PDB file of all heavy atoms in Angstrom:
ATOM      1  N   GLU A   1      45.466 165.549 200.937  1.00  0.00           N
ATOM      2  CA  GLU A   1      44.855 165.561 199.592  1.00  0.00           C
ATOM      3  C   GLU A   1      43.546 164.783 199.603  1.00  0.00           C
ATOM      4  O   GLU A   1      43.483 163.693 199.056  1.00  0.00           O
ATOM      5  CB  GLU A   1      45.777 164.885 198.576  1.00  0.00           C
ATOM      6  CG  GLU A   1      47.182 165.377 198.493  1.00  0.00           C
ATOM      7  CD  GLU A   1      47.978 164.539 197.501  1.00  0.00           C
ATOM      8  OE1 GLU A   1      47.570 164.486 196.331  1.00  0.00           O
ATOM      9  OE2 GLU A   1      48.961 163.928 197.916  1.00  0.00           O
ATOM     10  N   PRO A   2      42.501 165.311 200.195  1.00  0.00           N
ATOM     11  CA  PRO A   2      41.266 164.515 200.317  1.00  0.00           C
ATOM     12  C   PRO A   2      40.451 164.429 199.017  1.00  0.00           C
ATOM     13  O   PRO A   2      39.321 164.860 198.937  1.00  0.00           O
ATOM     14  CB  PRO A   2      40.503 165.248 201.414  1.00  0.00           C
ATOM     15  CG  PRO A   2      40.963 166.659 201.297  1.00  0.00           C
ATOM     16  CD  PRO A   2      42.391 166.588 200.855  1.00  0.00           C
ATOM     17  N   SER A   3      41.065 163.851 197.980  1.00  0.00           N
ATOM     18  CA  SER A   3      40.337 163.680 196.725  1.00  0.00           C
ATOM     19  C   SER A   3      39.728 162.282 196.673  1.00  0.00           C
ATOM     20  O   SER A   3      40.240 161.341 197.295  1.00  0.00           O
ATOM     21  CB  SER A   3      41.263 163.888 195.526  1.00  0.00           C
ATOM     22  OG  SER A   3      42.170 162.813 195.408  1.00  0.00           O
ATOM     23  N   GLU A   4      38.666 162.165 195.925  1.00  0.00           N
ATOM     24  CA  GLU A   4      37.998 160.868 195.774  1.00  0.00           C
ATOM     25  C   GLU A   4      38.955 159.838 195.179  1.00  0.00           C
ATOM     26  O   GLU A   4      38.986 158.682 195.604  1.00  0.00           O
ATOM     27  CB  GLU A   4      36.763 161.022 194.886  1.00  0.00           C
ATOM     28  CG  GLU A   4      35.925 159.774 194.785  1.00  0.00           C
ATOM     29  CD  GLU A   4      34.657 159.972 193.963  1.00  0.00           C
ATOM     30  OE1 GLU A   4      34.160 161.103 193.872  1.00  0.00           O
ATOM     31  OE2 GLU A   4      34.171 158.963 193.422  1.00  0.00           O
ATOM     32  N   ALA A   5      39.763 160.252 194.215  1.00  0.00           N
ATOM     33  CA  ALA A   5      40.696 159.342 193.555  1.00  0.00           C
ATOM     34  C   ALA A   5      41.737 158.796 194.540  1.00  0.00           C
ATOM     35  O   ALA A   5      42.056 157.604 194.526  1.00  0.00           O
ATOM     36  CB  ALA A   5      41.385 160.044 192.391  1.00  0.00           C
ATOM     37  N   LYS A   6      42.276 159.652 195.390  1.00  0.00           N
ATOM     38  CA  LYS A   6      43.288 159.222 196.371  1.00  0.00           C
ATOM     39  C   LYS A   6      42.679 158.274 197.410  1.00  0.00           C
ATOM     40  O   LYS A   6      43.297 157.290 197.802  1.00  0.00           O
ATOM     41  CB  LYS A   6      43.906 160.428 197.080  1.00  0.00           C
ATOM     42  CG  LYS A   6      44.806 161.250 196.203  1.00  0.00           C
ATOM     43  CD  LYS A   6      46.123 160.560 196.035  1.00  0.00           C
ATOM     44  CE  LYS A   6      47.099 161.458 195.296  1.00  0.00           C
ATOM     45  NZ  LYS A   6      48.330 160.782 194.967  1.00  0.00           N
ATOM     46  N   ILE A   7      41.477 158.579 197.854  1.00  0.00           N
ATOM     47  CA  ILE A   7      40.806 157.720 198.835  1.00  0.00           C
ATOM     48  C   ILE A   7      40.483 156.366 198.201  1.00  0.00           C
ATOM     49  O   ILE A   7      40.674 155.327 198.823  1.00  0.00           O
ATOM     50  CB  ILE A   7      39.553 158.415 199.409  1.00  0.00           C
ATOM     51  CG1 ILE A   7      39.989 159.630 200.239  1.00  0.00           C
ATOM     52  CG2 ILE A   7      38.719 157.441 200.244  1.00  0.00           C
ATOM     53  CD1 ILE A   7      38.862 160.539 200.670  1.00  0.00           C
ATOM     54  N   GLU A   8      40.032 156.384 196.955  1.00  0.00           N
ATOM     55  CA  GLU A   8      39.742 155.134 196.250  1.00  0.00           C
ATOM     56  C   GLU A   8      41.013 154.302 196.067  1.00  0.00           C
ATOM     57  O   GLU A   8      41.003 153.076 196.227  1.00  0.00           O
ATOM     58  CB  GLU A   8      39.112 155.434 194.889  1.00  0.00           C
ATOM     59  CG  GLU A   8      38.616 154.208 194.163  1.00  0.00           C
ATOM     60  CD  GLU A   8      37.895 154.553 192.874  1.00  0.00           C
ATOM     61  OE1 GLU A   8      37.145 155.543 192.847  1.00  0.00           O
ATOM     62  OE2 GLU A   8      38.098 153.817 191.901  1.00  0.00           O
ATOM     63  N   GLU A   9      42.112 154.952 195.767  1.00  0.00           N
ATOM     64  CA  GLU A   9      43.393 154.265 195.623  1.00  0.00           C
ATOM     65  C   GLU A   9      43.804 153.596 196.939  1.00  0.00           C
ATOM     66  O   GLU A   9      44.256 152.450 196.958  1.00  0.00           O
ATOM     67  CB  GLU A   9      44.452 155.296 195.206  1.00  0.00           C
ATOM     68  CG  GLU A   9      45.805 154.734 194.869  1.00  0.00           C
ATOM     69  CD  GLU A   9      46.764 155.843 194.460  1.00  0.00           C
ATOM     70  OE1 GLU A   9      46.429 156.639 193.567  1.00  0.00           O
ATOM     71  OE2 GLU A   9      47.859 155.897 195.061  1.00  0.00           O
ATOM     72  N   GLU A  10      43.614 154.294 198.047  1.00  0.00           N
ATOM     73  CA  GLU A  10      43.931 153.730 199.366  1.00  0.00           C
ATOM     74  C   GLU A  10      42.997 152.565 199.685  1.00  0.00           C
ATOM     75  O   GLU A  10      43.421 151.548 200.236  1.00  0.00           O
ATOM     76  CB  GLU A  10      43.852 154.801 200.452  1.00  0.00           C
ATOM     77  CG  GLU A  10      43.989 154.283 201.869  1.00  0.00           C
ATOM     78  CD  GLU A  10      45.296 153.567 202.195  1.00  0.00           C
ATOM     79  OE1 GLU A  10      46.271 153.665 201.432  1.00  0.00           O
ATOM     80  OE2 GLU A  10      45.341 152.880 203.234  1.00  0.00           O
ATOM     81  N   ALA A  11      41.723 152.694 199.327  1.00  0.00           N
ATOM     82  CA  ALA A  11      40.761 151.605 199.555  1.00  0.00           C
ATOM     83  C   ALA A  11      41.194 150.348 198.803  1.00  0.00           C
ATOM     84  O   ALA A  11      41.155 149.243 199.347  1.00  0.00           O
ATOM     85  CB  ALA A  11      39.362 152.041 199.127  1.00  0.00           C
ATOM     86  N   LYS A  12      41.622 150.503 197.564  1.00  0.00           N
ATOM     87  CA  LYS A  12      42.096 149.363 196.778  1.00  0.00           C
ATOM     88  C   LYS A  12      43.353 148.764 197.398  1.00  0.00           C
ATOM     89  O   LYS A  12      43.521 147.552 197.439  1.00  0.00           O
ATOM     90  CB  LYS A  12      42.362 149.786 195.328  1.00  0.00           C
ATOM     91  CG  LYS A  12      41.098 149.976 194.538  1.00  0.00           C
ATOM     92  CD  LYS A  12      41.382 150.329 193.106  1.00  0.00           C
ATOM     93  CE  LYS A  12      40.082 150.547 192.361  1.00  0.00           C
ATOM     94  NZ  LYS A  12      40.292 150.948 190.976  1.00  0.00           N
ATOM     95  N   ARG A  13      44.256 149.625 197.874  1.00  0.00           N
ATOM     96  CA  ARG A  13      45.475 149.141 198.512  1.00  0.00           C
ATOM     97  C   ARG A  13      45.147 148.298 199.740  1.00  0.00           C
ATOM     98  O   ARG A  13      45.783 147.288 200.004  1.00  0.00           O
ATOM     99  CB  ARG A  13      46.381 150.321 198.901  1.00  0.00           C
ATOM    100  CG  ARG A  13      47.771 149.868 199.355  1.00  0.00           C
ATOM    101  CD  ARG A  13      48.524 150.958 200.080  1.00  0.00           C
ATOM    102  NE  ARG A  13      47.943 151.299 201.359  1.00  0.00           N
ATOM    103  CZ  ARG A  13      48.020 150.561 202.470  1.00  0.00           C
ATOM    104  NH1 ARG A  13      48.618 149.395 202.455  1.00  0.00           N
ATOM    105  NH2 ARG A  13      47.475 150.970 203.606  1.00  0.00           N
ATOM    106  N   GLN A  14      44.094 148.698 200.461  1.00  0.00           N
ATOM    107  CA  GLN A  14      43.671 147.967 201.657  1.00  0.00           C
ATOM    108  C   GLN A  14      42.955 146.652 201.320  1.00  0.00           C
ATOM    109  O   GLN A  14      42.757 145.818 202.181  1.00  0.00           O
ATOM    110  CB  GLN A  14      42.724 148.824 202.508  1.00  0.00           C
ATOM    111  CG  GLN A  14      43.377 149.918 203.277  1.00  0.00           C
ATOM    112  CD  GLN A  14      42.389 150.610 204.202  1.00  0.00           C
ATOM    113  OE1 GLN A  14      41.360 150.042 204.587  1.00  0.00           O
ATOM    114  NE2 GLN A  14      42.696 151.833 204.566  1.00  0.00           N
ATOM    115  N   GLY A  15      42.530 146.499 200.058  1.00  0.00           N
ATOM    116  CA  GLY A  15      41.795 145.297 199.678  1.00  0.00           C
ATOM    117  C   GLY A  15      40.309 145.383 199.976  1.00  0.00           C
ATOM    118  O   GLY A  15      39.648 144.362 200.153  1.00  0.00           O
ATOM    119  N   MET A  16      39.787 146.614 200.030  1.00  0.00           N
ATOM    120  CA  MET A  16      38.362 146.811 200.318  1.00  0.00           C
ATOM    121  C   MET A  16      37.498 146.340 199.141  1.00  0.00           C
ATOM    122  O   MET A  16      37.873 146.521 197.991  1.00  0.00           O
ATOM    123  CB  MET A  16      38.085 148.295 200.569  1.00  0.00           C
ATOM    124  CG  MET A  16      36.659 148.575 200.977  1.00  0.00           C
ATOM    125  SD  MET A  16      36.297 150.342 200.990  1.00  0.00           S
ATOM    126  CE  MET A  16      35.775 150.573 199.300  1.00  0.00           C
ATOM    127  N   ILE A  17      36.382 145.715 199.468  1.00  0.00           N
ATOM    128  CA  ILE A  17      35.410 145.408 198.418  1.00  0.00           C
ATOM    129  C   ILE A  17      34.255 146.388 198.548  1.00  0.00           C
ATOM    130  O   ILE A  17      33.926 146.844 199.637  1.00  0.00           O
ATOM    131  CB  ILE A  17      34.908 143.939 198.464  1.00  0.00           C
ATOM    132  CG1 ILE A  17      34.142 143.635 199.742  1.00  0.00           C
ATOM    133  CG2 ILE A  17      36.052 142.974 198.290  1.00  0.00           C
ATOM    134  CD1 ILE A  17      33.467 142.285 199.727  1.00  0.00           C
ATOM    135  N   THR A  18      33.647 146.723 197.406  1.00  0.00           N
ATOM    136  CA  THR A  18      32.551 147.680 197.403  1.00  0.00           C
ATOM    137  C   THR A  18      31.248 146.991 197.810  1.00  0.00           C
ATOM    138  O   THR A  18      31.160 145.756 197.820  1.00  0.00           O
ATOM    139  CB  THR A  18      32.364 148.298 196.005  1.00  0.00           C
ATOM    140  OG1 THR A  18      31.949 147.257 195.099  1.00  0.00           O
ATOM    141  CG2 THR A  18      33.638 148.962 195.504  1.00  0.00           C
ATOM    142  N   MET A  19      30.240 147.794 198.112  1.00  0.00           N
ATOM    143  CA  MET A  19      28.929 147.225 198.449  1.00  0.00           C
ATOM    144  C   MET A  19      28.388 146.426 197.268  1.00  0.00           C
ATOM    145  O   MET A  19      27.795 145.362 197.463  1.00  0.00           O
ATOM    146  CB  MET A  19      27.952 148.333 198.855  1.00  0.00           C
ATOM    147  CG  MET A  19      28.258 148.861 200.220  1.00  0.00           C
ATOM    148  SD  MET A  19      27.150 150.090 200.948  1.00  0.00           S
ATOM    149  CE  MET A  19      25.785 150.255 199.907  1.00  0.00           C
ATOM    150  N   LYS A  20      28.599 146.920 196.061  1.00  0.00           N
ATOM    151  CA  LYS A  20      28.126 146.195 194.879  1.00  0.00           C
ATOM    152  C   LYS A  20      28.825 144.836 194.786  1.00  0.00           C
ATOM    153  O   LYS A  20      28.176 143.816 194.518  1.00  0.00           O
ATOM    154  CB  LYS A  20      28.378 147.017 193.617  1.00  0.00           C
ATOM    155  CG  LYS A  20      27.817 146.407 192.360  1.00  0.00           C
ATOM    156  CD  LYS A  20      28.008 147.345 191.190  1.00  0.00           C
ATOM    157  CE  LYS A  20      27.398 146.795 189.921  1.00  0.00           C
ATOM    158  NZ  LYS A  20      27.598 147.718 188.794  1.00  0.00           N
ATOM    159  N   GLN A  21      30.132 144.792 195.007  1.00  0.00           N
ATOM    160  CA  GLN A  21      30.864 143.531 194.955  1.00  0.00           C
ATOM    161  C   GLN A  21      30.404 142.578 196.056  1.00  0.00           C
ATOM    162  O   GLN A  21      30.246 141.381 195.809  1.00  0.00           O
ATOM    163  CB  GLN A  21      32.372 143.789 195.069  1.00  0.00           C
ATOM    164  CG  GLN A  21      32.962 144.446 193.844  1.00  0.00           C
ATOM    165  CD  GLN A  21      34.381 144.931 194.058  1.00  0.00           C
ATOM    166  OE1 GLN A  21      34.778 145.284 195.170  1.00  0.00           O
ATOM    167  NE2 GLN A  21      35.154 144.960 192.984  1.00  0.00           N
ATOM    168  N   ASP A  22      30.171 143.100 197.265  1.00  0.00           N
ATOM    169  CA  ASP A  22      29.664 142.264 198.349  1.00  0.00           C
ATOM    170  C   ASP A  22      28.290 141.700 197.975  1.00  0.00           C
ATOM    171  O   ASP A  22      28.002 140.532 198.223  1.00  0.00           O
ATOM    172  CB  ASP A  22      29.586 143.073 199.648  1.00  0.00           C
ATOM    173  CG  ASP A  22      29.262 142.210 200.861  1.00  0.00           C
ATOM    174  OD1 ASP A  22      29.710 141.048 200.908  1.00  0.00           O
ATOM    175  OD2 ASP A  22      28.566 142.707 201.765  1.00  0.00           O
ATOM    176  N   GLY A  23      27.461 142.533 197.351  1.00  0.00           N
ATOM    177  CA  GLY A  23      26.153 142.071 196.892  1.00  0.00           C
ATOM    178  C   GLY A  23      26.271 140.983 195.839  1.00  0.00           C
ATOM    179  O   GLY A  23      25.544 139.979 195.877  1.00  0.00           O
ATOM    180  N   ILE A  24      27.188 141.150 194.904  1.00  0.00           N
ATOM    181  CA  ILE A  24      27.407 140.136 193.854  1.00  0.00           C
ATOM    182  C   ILE A  24      27.830 138.815 194.488  1.00  0.00           C
ATOM    183  O   ILE A  24      27.370 137.741 194.072  1.00  0.00           O
ATOM    184  CB  ILE A  24      28.463 140.616 192.837  1.00  0.00           C
ATOM    185  CG1 ILE A  24      27.988 141.864 192.108  1.00  0.00           C
ATOM    186  CG2 ILE A  24      28.892 139.503 191.899  1.00  0.00           C
ATOM    187  CD1 ILE A  24      27.166 141.689 190.878  1.00  0.00           C
ATOM    188  N   LEU A  25      28.675 138.870 195.491  1.00  0.00           N
ATOM    189  CA  LEU A  25      29.080 137.637 196.176  1.00  0.00           C
ATOM    190  C   LEU A  25      27.872 136.968 196.825  1.00  0.00           C
ATOM    191  O   LEU A  25      27.745 135.740 196.807  1.00  0.00           O
ATOM    192  CB  LEU A  25      30.162 137.933 197.226  1.00  0.00           C
ATOM    193  CG  LEU A  25      31.515 138.384 196.671  1.00  0.00           C
ATOM    194  CD1 LEU A  25      32.455 138.802 197.798  1.00  0.00           C
ATOM    195  CD2 LEU A  25      32.143 137.310 195.803  1.00  0.00           C
ATOM    196  N   LYS A  26      26.951 137.760 197.362  1.00  0.00           N
ATOM    197  CA  LYS A  26      25.721 137.209 197.957  1.00  0.00           C
ATOM    198  C   LYS A  26      24.806 136.614 196.884  1.00  0.00           C
ATOM    199  O   LYS A  26      24.144 135.609 197.119  1.00  0.00           O
ATOM    200  CB  LYS A  26      25.009 138.277 198.784  1.00  0.00           C
ATOM    201  CG  LYS A  26      25.738 138.546 200.109  1.00  0.00           C
ATOM    202  CD  LYS A  26      25.082 139.621 200.912  1.00  0.00           C
ATOM    203  CE  LYS A  26      25.638 139.766 202.297  1.00  0.00           C
ATOM    204  NZ  LYS A  26      27.057 139.882 202.463  1.00  0.00           N
ATOM    205  N   VAL A  27      24.806 137.203 195.700  1.00  0.00           N
ATOM    206  CA  VAL A  27      24.029 136.646 194.584  1.00  0.00           C
ATOM    207  C   VAL A  27      24.600 135.278 194.212  1.00  0.00           C
ATOM    208  O   VAL A  27      23.850 134.319 194.010  1.00  0.00           O
ATOM    209  CB  VAL A  27      24.056 137.599 193.363  1.00  0.00           C
ATOM    210  CG1 VAL A  27      23.559 136.912 192.108  1.00  0.00           C
ATOM    211  CG2 VAL A  27      23.228 138.847 193.649  1.00  0.00           C
ATOM    212  N   LEU A  28      25.914 135.174 194.134  1.00  0.00           N
ATOM    213  CA  LEU A  28      26.545 133.903 193.774  1.00  0.00           C
ATOM    214  C   LEU A  28      26.304 132.830 194.830  1.00  0.00           C
ATOM    215  O   LEU A  28      26.285 131.643 194.518  1.00  0.00           O
ATOM    216  CB  LEU A  28      28.045 134.100 193.547  1.00  0.00           C
ATOM    217  CG  LEU A  28      28.402 134.937 192.321  1.00  0.00           C
ATOM    218  CD1 LEU A  28      29.893 135.235 192.290  1.00  0.00           C
ATOM    219  CD2 LEU A  28      27.962 134.250 191.040  1.00  0.00           C
ATOM    220  N   GLU A  29      26.096 133.248 196.086  1.00  0.00           N
ATOM    221  CA  GLU A  29      25.785 132.306 197.168  1.00  0.00           C
ATOM    222  C   GLU A  29      24.308 131.933 197.196  1.00  0.00           C
ATOM    223  O   GLU A  29      23.900 131.072 197.967  1.00  0.00           O
ATOM    224  CB  GLU A  29      26.160 132.919 198.517  1.00  0.00           C
ATOM    225  CG  GLU A  29      27.641 133.126 198.724  1.00  0.00           C
ATOM    226  CD  GLU A  29      27.960 133.974 199.948  1.00  0.00           C
ATOM    227  OE1 GLU A  29      27.031 134.331 200.708  1.00  0.00           O
ATOM    228  OE2 GLU A  29      29.138 134.290 200.141  1.00  0.00           O
ATOM    229  N   GLY A  30      23.480 132.600 196.384  1.00  0.00           N
ATOM    230  CA  GLY A  30      22.054 132.311 196.361  1.00  0.00           C
ATOM    231  C   GLY A  30      21.260 133.044 197.432  1.00  0.00           C
ATOM    232  O   GLY A  30      20.102 132.729 197.673  1.00  0.00           O
ATOM    233  N   VAL A  31      21.861 134.032 198.082  1.00  0.00           N
ATOM    234  CA  VAL A  31      21.188 134.784 199.144  1.00  0.00           C
ATOM    235  C   VAL A  31      20.150 135.737 198.581  1.00  0.00           C
ATOM    236  O   VAL A  31      19.068 135.902 199.140  1.00  0.00           O
ATOM    237  CB  VAL A  31      22.224 135.561 199.998  1.00  0.00           C
ATOM    238  CG1 VAL A  31      21.551 136.482 200.999  1.00  0.00           C
ATOM    239  CG2 VAL A  31      23.160 134.594 200.702  1.00  0.00           C
ATOM    240  N   SER A  32      20.491 136.403 197.469  1.00  0.00           N
ATOM    241  CA  SER A  32      19.581 137.392 196.890  1.00  0.00           C
ATOM    242  C   SER A  32      19.661 137.329 195.370  1.00  0.00           C
ATOM    243  O   SER A  32      20.443 136.564 194.806  1.00  0.00           O
ATOM    244  CB  SER A  32      19.935 138.799 197.394  1.00  0.00           C
ATOM    245  OG  SER A  32      18.898 139.705 197.087  1.00  0.00           O
ATOM    246  N   SER A  33      18.864 138.168 194.722  1.00  0.00           N
ATOM    247  CA  SER A  33      18.829 138.201 193.256  1.00  0.00           C
ATOM    248  C   SER A  33      19.710 139.328 192.739  1.00  0.00           C
ATOM    249  O   SER A  33      19.959 140.317 193.430  1.00  0.00           O
ATOM    250  CB  SER A  33      17.391 138.402 192.765  1.00  0.00           C
ATOM    251  OG  SER A  33      16.942 139.694 193.124  1.00  0.00           O
ATOM    252  N   ILE A  34      20.149 139.208 191.512  1.00  0.00           N
ATOM    253  CA  ILE A  34      20.974 140.246 190.900  1.00  0.00           C
ATOM    254  C   ILE A  34      20.186 141.545 190.783  1.00  0.00           C
ATOM    255  O   ILE A  34      20.733 142.638 190.975  1.00  0.00           O
ATOM    256  CB  ILE A  34      21.558 139.786 189.536  1.00  0.00           C
ATOM    257  CG1 ILE A  34      22.572 140.805 188.996  1.00  0.00           C
ATOM    258  CG2 ILE A  34      20.449 139.556 188.519  1.00  0.00           C
ATOM    259  CD1 ILE A  34      23.844 140.890 189.781  1.00  0.00           C
ATOM    260  N   GLU A  35      18.893 141.459 190.517  1.00  0.00           N
ATOM    261  CA  GLU A  35      18.060 142.664 190.409  1.00  0.00           C
ATOM    262  C   GLU A  35      18.042 143.429 191.733  1.00  0.00           C
ATOM    263  O   GLU A  35      18.105 144.652 191.750  1.00  0.00           O
ATOM    264  CB  GLU A  35      16.626 142.298 189.989  1.00  0.00           C
ATOM    265  CG  GLU A  35      16.502 141.754 188.578  1.00  0.00           C
ATOM    266  CD  GLU A  35      16.866 140.265 188.458  1.00  0.00           C
ATOM    267  OE1 GLU A  35      16.969 139.577 189.487  1.00  0.00           O
ATOM    268  OE2 GLU A  35      17.068 139.815 187.319  1.00  0.00           O
ATOM    269  N   GLU A  36      17.948 142.704 192.832  1.00  0.00           N
ATOM    270  CA  GLU A  36      17.928 143.327 194.151  1.00  0.00           C
ATOM    271  C   GLU A  36      19.257 144.009 194.444  1.00  0.00           C
ATOM    272  O   GLU A  36      19.293 145.129 194.951  1.00  0.00           O
ATOM    273  CB  GLU A  36      17.602 142.279 195.222  1.00  0.00           C
ATOM    274  CG  GLU A  36      17.529 142.821 196.620  1.00  0.00           C
ATOM    275  CD  GLU A  36      16.367 143.770 196.882  1.00  0.00           C
ATOM    276  OE1 GLU A  36      15.474 143.934 196.024  1.00  0.00           O
ATOM    277  OE2 GLU A  36      16.358 144.364 197.968  1.00  0.00           O
ATOM    278  N   VAL A  37      20.359 143.378 194.108  1.00  0.00           N
ATOM    279  CA  VAL A  37      21.678 143.960 194.354  1.00  0.00           C
ATOM    280  C   VAL A  37      21.881 145.197 193.482  1.00  0.00           C
ATOM    281  O   VAL A  37      22.373 146.229 193.951  1.00  0.00           O
ATOM    282  CB  VAL A  37      22.789 142.919 194.135  1.00  0.00           C
ATOM    283  CG1 VAL A  37      24.164 143.575 194.096  1.00  0.00           C
ATOM    284  CG2 VAL A  37      22.725 141.859 195.212  1.00  0.00           C
ATOM    285  N   LEU A  38      21.491 145.135 192.229  1.00  0.00           N
ATOM    286  CA  LEU A  38      21.638 146.301 191.350  1.00  0.00           C
ATOM    287  C   LEU A  38      20.752 147.448 191.816  1.00  0.00           C
ATOM    288  O   LEU A  38      21.158 148.608 191.738  1.00  0.00           O
ATOM    289  CB  LEU A  38      21.342 145.922 189.898  1.00  0.00           C
ATOM    290  CG  LEU A  38      22.344 144.930 189.278  1.00  0.00           C
ATOM    291  CD1 LEU A  38      21.920 144.571 187.867  1.00  0.00           C
ATOM    292  CD2 LEU A  38      23.760 145.475 189.318  1.00  0.00           C
ATOM    293  N   ARG A  39      19.575 147.144 192.310  1.00  0.00           N
ATOM    294  CA  ARG A  39      18.691 148.184 192.840  1.00  0.00           C
ATOM    295  C   ARG A  39      19.360 148.870 194.015  1.00  0.00           C
ATOM    296  O   ARG A  39      19.390 150.096 194.101  1.00  0.00           O
ATOM    297  CB  ARG A  39      17.350 147.583 193.266  1.00  0.00           C
ATOM    298  CG  ARG A  39      16.362 148.608 193.833  1.00  0.00           C
ATOM    299  CD  ARG A  39      15.193 147.945 194.558  1.00  0.00           C
ATOM    300  NE  ARG A  39      15.590 147.176 195.727  1.00  0.00           N
ATOM    301  CZ  ARG A  39      15.905 147.709 196.924  1.00  0.00           C
ATOM    302  NH1 ARG A  39      15.905 149.007 197.103  1.00  0.00           N
ATOM    303  NH2 ARG A  39      16.254 146.932 197.928  1.00  0.00           N
ATOM    304  N   MET A  40      19.934 148.097 194.912  1.00  0.00           N
ATOM    305  CA  MET A  40      20.597 148.639 196.094  1.00  0.00           C
ATOM    306  C   MET A  40      21.840 149.439 195.697  1.00  0.00           C
ATOM    307  O   MET A  40      22.079 150.523 196.189  1.00  0.00           O
ATOM    308  CB  MET A  40      20.984 147.505 197.038  1.00  0.00           C
ATOM    309  CG  MET A  40      21.834 147.879 198.239  1.00  0.00           C
ATOM    310  SD  MET A  40      23.638 148.009 198.011  1.00  0.00           S
ATOM    311  CE  MET A  40      24.077 146.511 197.208  1.00  0.00           C
ATOM    312  N   ALA A  41      22.629 148.903 194.772  1.00  0.00           N
ATOM    313  CA  ALA A  41      23.902 149.527 194.390  1.00  0.00           C
ATOM    314  C   ALA A  41      23.692 150.840 193.646  1.00  0.00           C
ATOM    315  O   ALA A  41      24.546 151.709 193.682  1.00  0.00           O
ATOM    316  CB  ALA A  41      24.722 148.562 193.547  1.00  0.00           C
ATOM    317  N   GLU A  42      22.559 150.992 192.977  1.00  0.00           N
ATOM    318  CA  GLU A  42      22.305 152.191 192.201  1.00  0.00           C
ATOM    319  C   GLU A  42      21.582 153.271 192.984  1.00  0.00           C
ATOM    320  O   GLU A  42      21.433 154.383 192.500  1.00  0.00           O
ATOM    321  CB  GLU A  42      21.552 151.833 190.923  1.00  0.00           C
ATOM    322  CG  GLU A  42      22.418 151.002 189.998  1.00  0.00           C
ATOM    323  CD  GLU A  42      21.653 150.416 188.817  1.00  0.00           C
ATOM    324  OE1 GLU A  42      20.445 150.667 188.702  1.00  0.00           O
ATOM    325  OE2 GLU A  42      22.289 149.710 188.025  1.00  0.00           O
TER     326      GLU A  42
END
């Protein structure tokens, strides 16, 4: 069943973080700006 919803469900089960979430963590560490992360994520 290669649906986006099923793959996303498996990703959550695995504890995967998204690129946007990884970027937000870098913003909180002072590595980059929120504008830069949102630009990349979009």
